[in-house]
Protein backbone atom coordinates (compact mmCIF):
# COMPACT_ATOMS: atom_id res chain seq x y z
CA UNK A 1 7.06 12.26 46.09
CA UNK A 2 5.30 11.51 43.01
CA UNK A 3 1.38 12.59 42.20
CA UNK A 4 -1.17 11.46 40.06
CA UNK A 5 -3.35 13.22 40.08
CA UNK A 6 -3.07 13.83 36.88
CA UNK A 7 -3.67 11.32 34.94
CA UNK A 8 -6.83 10.37 37.16
CA UNK A 9 -8.55 14.15 35.46
CA UNK A 10 -7.02 13.44 31.94
CA UNK A 11 -8.96 9.90 32.11
CA UNK A 12 -11.64 11.92 33.18
CA UNK A 13 -10.96 14.28 30.90
CA UNK A 14 -11.37 11.48 27.86
CA UNK A 15 -14.30 8.89 29.57
CA UNK A 16 -12.01 6.94 30.45
CA UNK A 17 -12.66 4.56 33.69
CA UNK A 18 -9.63 2.33 36.05
CA UNK A 19 -10.92 -0.35 34.17
CA UNK A 20 -11.20 0.95 30.73
CA UNK A 21 -7.24 1.56 31.19
CA UNK A 22 -6.21 -1.67 31.93
CA UNK A 23 -7.91 -3.41 29.60
CA UNK A 24 -6.59 -0.90 26.69
CA UNK A 25 -3.53 -0.40 28.33
CA UNK A 26 -2.93 -4.10 29.34
CA UNK A 27 -1.31 -3.22 32.31
CA UNK A 28 -2.60 -4.91 35.45
CA UNK A 29 -5.05 -4.11 38.38
CA UNK A 30 -2.38 -3.93 41.09
CA UNK A 31 -0.19 -1.83 39.00
CA UNK A 32 -3.36 0.82 39.07
CA UNK A 33 -3.86 0.19 42.80
CA UNK A 34 -0.32 1.45 43.19
CA UNK A 35 -0.54 4.81 41.14
CA UNK A 36 -4.41 4.96 43.05
CA UNK A 37 -2.38 4.98 46.82
CA UNK A 38 0.67 7.01 45.16
CA UNK A 39 3.11 4.91 45.28
CA UNK A 40 5.69 3.70 42.58
CA UNK A 41 5.51 1.45 39.38
CA UNK A 42 8.12 0.94 36.98
CA UNK A 43 8.38 3.22 33.99
CA UNK A 44 7.56 0.38 31.82
CA UNK A 45 3.54 1.00 33.55
CA UNK A 46 4.06 4.48 32.10
CA UNK A 47 5.32 4.00 28.85
CA UNK A 48 2.27 1.60 28.15
CA UNK A 49 -0.33 3.97 29.83
CA UNK A 50 1.19 7.49 27.82
CA UNK A 51 1.51 4.58 24.46
CA UNK A 52 -2.20 4.20 25.51
CA UNK A 53 -3.70 7.37 26.79
CA UNK A 54 -0.88 9.14 23.49
CA UNK A 55 0.61 11.40 25.56
CA UNK A 56 3.85 11.97 27.46
CA UNK A 57 4.89 12.37 31.91
CA UNK A 58 4.09 15.18 32.08
CA UNK A 59 0.82 14.87 31.81
CA UNK A 60 0.17 12.02 33.73
CA UNK A 61 2.35 12.59 37.09
CA UNK A 62 4.05 15.11 38.73
CA UNK A 63 7.06 15.46 41.36
CA UNK A 64 5.89 17.19 44.61
CA UNK A 65 8.79 18.21 46.98
CA UNK A 66 8.25 16.84 50.28
């Protein structure tokens, strides 16, 4: 399972809400909804988020074994 808790914490630390993330990164609201639910998204979406937040995958997500 993949957790995006690190993404939500990073957004709080940077003072960015989900709507602003959508506007700044160009990802869709449905992608953010998938992230919120812990569902799969494309690496393109993850790359856009990392570029926007100037971070790496490890900063926004982590693998959690079942």
